[in-house]
Amino acid sequence: MIITKHAFFRMQQRGIDENVVASAILNPDEASESFGKRRLARKIIGDKTLEVVYIKEDDIIVITVYWLEEV
C-alpha cells in the first residue's frame, strides 16, 4: 500500500492510523466506484465512518482519508 503525501498529511491531521486505513480498504463496510479509476471504501470505527479514496493498480495508492460527517 502506497500512501500519497497528501493522504499521509491528512491521516496525521485527523488522527487516523495506517492500520485502520488498510482495514477499511481490505475489509470495508461499504465500497463503491468513484470517478476515473478511484474507489471509495467506508469503514465504521466506533461511532464514526472513515472514508478512504484510493486507486488499485499494481499496488493500492491511497489518495486521501477522512471522517464522514453525520447529516
N, C-alpha and C. Protein backbone atom coordinates (compact mmCIF):
# COMPACT_ATOMS: atom_id res chain seq x y z
N MET A 1 0.85 -1.17 0.00
CA MET A 1 0.00 0.00 0.00
C MET A 1 0.89 1.23 0.00
N ILE A 2 0.62 2.12 -0.95
CA ILE A 2 1.36 3.38 -1.05
C ILE A 2 0.44 4.50 -0.58
N ILE A 3 0.93 5.32 0.32
CA ILE A 3 0.15 6.45 0.83
C ILE A 3 0.76 7.73 0.26
N THR A 4 -0.03 8.50 -0.48
CA THR A 4 0.48 9.75 -1.05
C THR A 4 0.82 10.72 0.09
N LYS A 5 1.62 11.72 -0.23
CA LYS A 5 1.98 12.74 0.76
C LYS A 5 0.73 13.43 1.30
N HIS A 6 -0.20 13.70 0.40
CA HIS A 6 -1.46 14.35 0.81
C HIS A 6 -2.21 13.47 1.81
N ALA A 7 -2.37 12.19 1.47
CA ALA A 7 -3.10 11.28 2.37
C ALA A 7 -2.39 11.15 3.71
N PHE A 8 -1.05 11.06 3.69
CA PHE A 8 -0.28 10.94 4.92
C PHE A 8 -0.50 12.17 5.81
N PHE A 9 -0.46 13.35 5.20
CA PHE A 9 -0.69 14.59 5.93
C PHE A 9 -2.08 14.60 6.55
N ARG A 10 -3.08 14.21 5.77
CA ARG A 10 -4.46 14.19 6.27
C ARG A 10 -4.63 13.15 7.39
N MET A 11 -3.97 12.02 7.26
CA MET A 11 -4.04 11.00 8.31
C MET A 11 -3.48 11.55 9.62
N GLN A 12 -2.35 12.23 9.55
CA GLN A 12 -1.75 12.83 10.75
C GLN A 12 -2.67 13.90 11.32
N GLN A 13 -3.19 14.74 10.45
CA GLN A 13 -4.06 15.84 10.85
C GLN A 13 -5.33 15.33 11.53
N ARG A 14 -5.84 14.20 11.06
CA ARG A 14 -7.12 13.68 11.54
C ARG A 14 -6.98 12.52 12.53
N GLY A 15 -5.75 12.18 12.89
CA GLY A 15 -5.52 11.13 13.87
C GLY A 15 -5.93 9.75 13.38
N ILE A 16 -5.65 9.45 12.11
CA ILE A 16 -6.05 8.18 11.52
C ILE A 16 -4.81 7.32 11.31
N ASP A 17 -4.83 6.11 11.83
CA ASP A 17 -3.70 5.18 11.77
C ASP A 17 -3.68 4.42 10.45
N GLU A 18 -2.49 4.09 9.98
CA GLU A 18 -2.32 3.35 8.73
C GLU A 18 -3.02 1.99 8.76
N ASN A 19 -3.03 1.33 9.92
CA ASN A 19 -3.70 0.03 10.04
C ASN A 19 -5.21 0.15 9.84
N VAL A 20 -5.79 1.24 10.30
CA VAL A 20 -7.22 1.47 10.12
C VAL A 20 -7.53 1.71 8.64
N VAL A 21 -6.66 2.43 7.97
CA VAL A 21 -6.83 2.68 6.53
C VAL A 21 -6.77 1.35 5.77
N ALA A 22 -5.79 0.53 6.08
CA ALA A 22 -5.66 -0.78 5.43
C ALA A 22 -6.90 -1.63 5.68
N SER A 23 -7.40 -1.61 6.91
CA SER A 23 -8.60 -2.37 7.26
C SER A 23 -9.81 -1.90 6.45
N ALA A 24 -9.93 -0.58 6.29
CA ALA A 24 -11.05 -0.03 5.52
C ALA A 24 -11.00 -0.49 4.06
N ILE A 25 -9.80 -0.54 3.50
CA ILE A 25 -9.66 -0.94 2.09
C ILE A 25 -9.86 -2.45 1.92
N LEU A 26 -9.25 -3.23 2.80
CA LEU A 26 -9.28 -4.68 2.65
C LEU A 26 -10.57 -5.32 3.15
N ASN A 27 -11.23 -4.66 4.11
CA ASN A 27 -12.45 -5.22 4.70
C ASN A 27 -13.47 -4.11 4.93
N PRO A 28 -13.93 -3.45 3.86
CA PRO A 28 -14.83 -2.31 4.03
C PRO A 28 -16.24 -2.72 4.45
N ASP A 29 -16.92 -1.79 5.11
CA ASP A 29 -18.34 -1.98 5.37
C ASP A 29 -19.15 -1.62 4.12
N GLU A 30 -18.62 -0.69 3.33
CA GLU A 30 -19.21 -0.30 2.05
C GLU A 30 -18.07 0.00 1.09
N ALA A 31 -18.26 -0.30 -0.17
CA ALA A 31 -17.26 0.03 -1.19
C ALA A 31 -17.99 0.42 -2.47
N SER A 32 -17.43 1.39 -3.17
CA SER A 32 -18.05 1.82 -4.42
C SER A 32 -17.00 2.41 -5.36
N GLU A 33 -17.40 2.52 -6.62
CA GLU A 33 -16.55 3.16 -7.62
C GLU A 33 -16.73 4.67 -7.49
N SER A 34 -15.69 5.40 -7.82
CA SER A 34 -15.77 6.85 -7.87
C SER A 34 -15.45 7.26 -9.30
N PHE A 35 -15.01 8.48 -9.53
CA PHE A 35 -14.70 8.88 -10.89
C PHE A 35 -13.30 8.40 -11.29
N GLY A 36 -13.11 8.25 -12.59
CA GLY A 36 -11.83 7.75 -13.08
C GLY A 36 -11.57 6.35 -12.55
N LYS A 37 -10.39 6.11 -12.09
CA LYS A 37 -10.02 4.81 -11.52
C LYS A 37 -10.18 4.77 -10.00
N ARG A 38 -10.68 5.84 -9.44
CA ARG A 38 -10.76 5.94 -7.98
C ARG A 38 -11.87 5.06 -7.41
N ARG A 39 -11.60 4.56 -6.22
CA ARG A 39 -12.58 3.77 -5.49
C ARG A 39 -12.75 4.38 -4.10
N LEU A 40 -13.90 4.13 -3.50
CA LEU A 40 -14.19 4.59 -2.15
C LEU A 40 -14.41 3.38 -1.26
N ALA A 41 -13.82 3.41 -0.07
CA ALA A 41 -14.05 2.37 0.92
C ALA A 41 -14.50 3.05 2.21
N ARG A 42 -15.57 2.55 2.79
CA ARG A 42 -16.07 3.09 4.06
C ARG A 42 -15.99 2.02 5.13
N LYS A 43 -15.58 2.46 6.31
CA LYS A 43 -15.45 1.56 7.46
C LYS A 43 -15.97 2.29 8.69
N ILE A 44 -16.87 1.63 9.42
CA ILE A 44 -17.38 2.21 10.66
C ILE A 44 -16.38 1.89 11.77
N ILE A 45 -15.91 2.95 12.42
CA ILE A 45 -14.94 2.83 13.52
C ILE A 45 -15.59 3.49 14.73
N GLY A 46 -16.05 2.69 15.67
CA GLY A 46 -16.77 3.24 16.82
C GLY A 46 -18.04 3.92 16.35
N ASP A 47 -18.15 5.23 16.64
CA ASP A 47 -19.34 5.98 16.23
C ASP A 47 -19.08 6.87 15.03
N LYS A 48 -17.97 6.63 14.32
CA LYS A 48 -17.61 7.43 13.15
C LYS A 48 -17.49 6.53 11.92
N THR A 49 -17.58 7.15 10.74
CA THR A 49 -17.38 6.42 9.49
C THR A 49 -16.16 7.01 8.78
N LEU A 50 -15.20 6.15 8.51
CA LEU A 50 -13.99 6.53 7.80
C LEU A 50 -14.19 6.28 6.31
N GLU A 51 -13.80 7.25 5.48
CA GLU A 51 -13.84 7.04 4.04
C GLU A 51 -12.42 7.17 3.49
N VAL A 52 -12.04 6.21 2.66
CA VAL A 52 -10.72 6.19 2.04
C VAL A 52 -10.91 6.24 0.53
N VAL A 53 -10.23 7.18 -0.11
CA VAL A 53 -10.24 7.28 -1.57
C VAL A 53 -8.92 6.71 -2.05
N TYR A 54 -9.00 5.74 -2.95
CA TYR A 54 -7.78 5.08 -3.40
C TYR A 54 -7.90 4.59 -4.84
N ILE A 55 -6.76 4.23 -5.40
CA ILE A 55 -6.69 3.63 -6.73
C ILE A 55 -6.02 2.27 -6.56
N LYS A 56 -6.55 1.26 -7.23
CA LYS A 56 -5.93 -0.06 -7.18
C LYS A 56 -5.35 -0.37 -8.55
N GLU A 57 -4.04 -0.41 -8.62
CA GLU A 57 -3.34 -0.79 -9.85
C GLU A 57 -2.47 -1.99 -9.49
N ASP A 58 -1.18 -1.91 -9.73
CA ASP A 58 -0.29 -2.98 -9.28
C ASP A 58 -0.25 -3.00 -7.76
N ASP A 59 -0.41 -1.83 -7.17
CA ASP A 59 -0.44 -1.66 -5.72
C ASP A 59 -1.65 -0.78 -5.41
N ILE A 60 -1.97 -0.64 -4.15
CA ILE A 60 -3.05 0.25 -3.73
C ILE A 60 -2.42 1.60 -3.43
N ILE A 61 -2.95 2.65 -4.04
CA ILE A 61 -2.45 4.01 -3.82
C ILE A 61 -3.55 4.79 -3.11
N VAL A 62 -3.27 5.19 -1.87
CA VAL A 62 -4.23 5.94 -1.07
C VAL A 62 -4.13 7.41 -1.45
N ILE A 63 -5.26 7.99 -1.89
CA ILE A 63 -5.31 9.38 -2.33
C ILE A 63 -5.60 10.31 -1.15
N THR A 64 -6.65 10.00 -0.40
CA THR A 64 -6.99 10.79 0.78
C THR A 64 -7.83 9.96 1.73
N VAL A 65 -7.95 10.45 2.95
CA VAL A 65 -8.65 9.74 4.03
C VAL A 65 -9.36 10.79 4.88
N TYR A 66 -10.61 10.53 5.23
CA TYR A 66 -11.34 11.50 6.06
C TYR A 66 -12.50 10.82 6.78
N TRP A 67 -12.98 11.50 7.81
CA TRP A 67 -14.16 11.06 8.55
C TRP A 67 -15.37 11.68 7.87
N LEU A 68 -16.41 10.89 7.66
CA LEU A 68 -17.66 11.43 7.11
C LEU A 68 -18.42 12.15 8.22
N GLU A 69 -19.05 13.23 7.86
CA GLU A 69 -19.84 13.99 8.80
C GLU A 69 -21.24 13.40 8.88
N GLU A 70 -21.81 13.41 10.06
CA GLU A 70 -23.20 12.99 10.22
C GLU A 70 -24.10 14.08 9.64
N VAL A 71 -25.12 13.65 8.91
CA VAL A 71 -26.04 14.63 8.31
C VAL A 71 -27.37 14.57 9.01
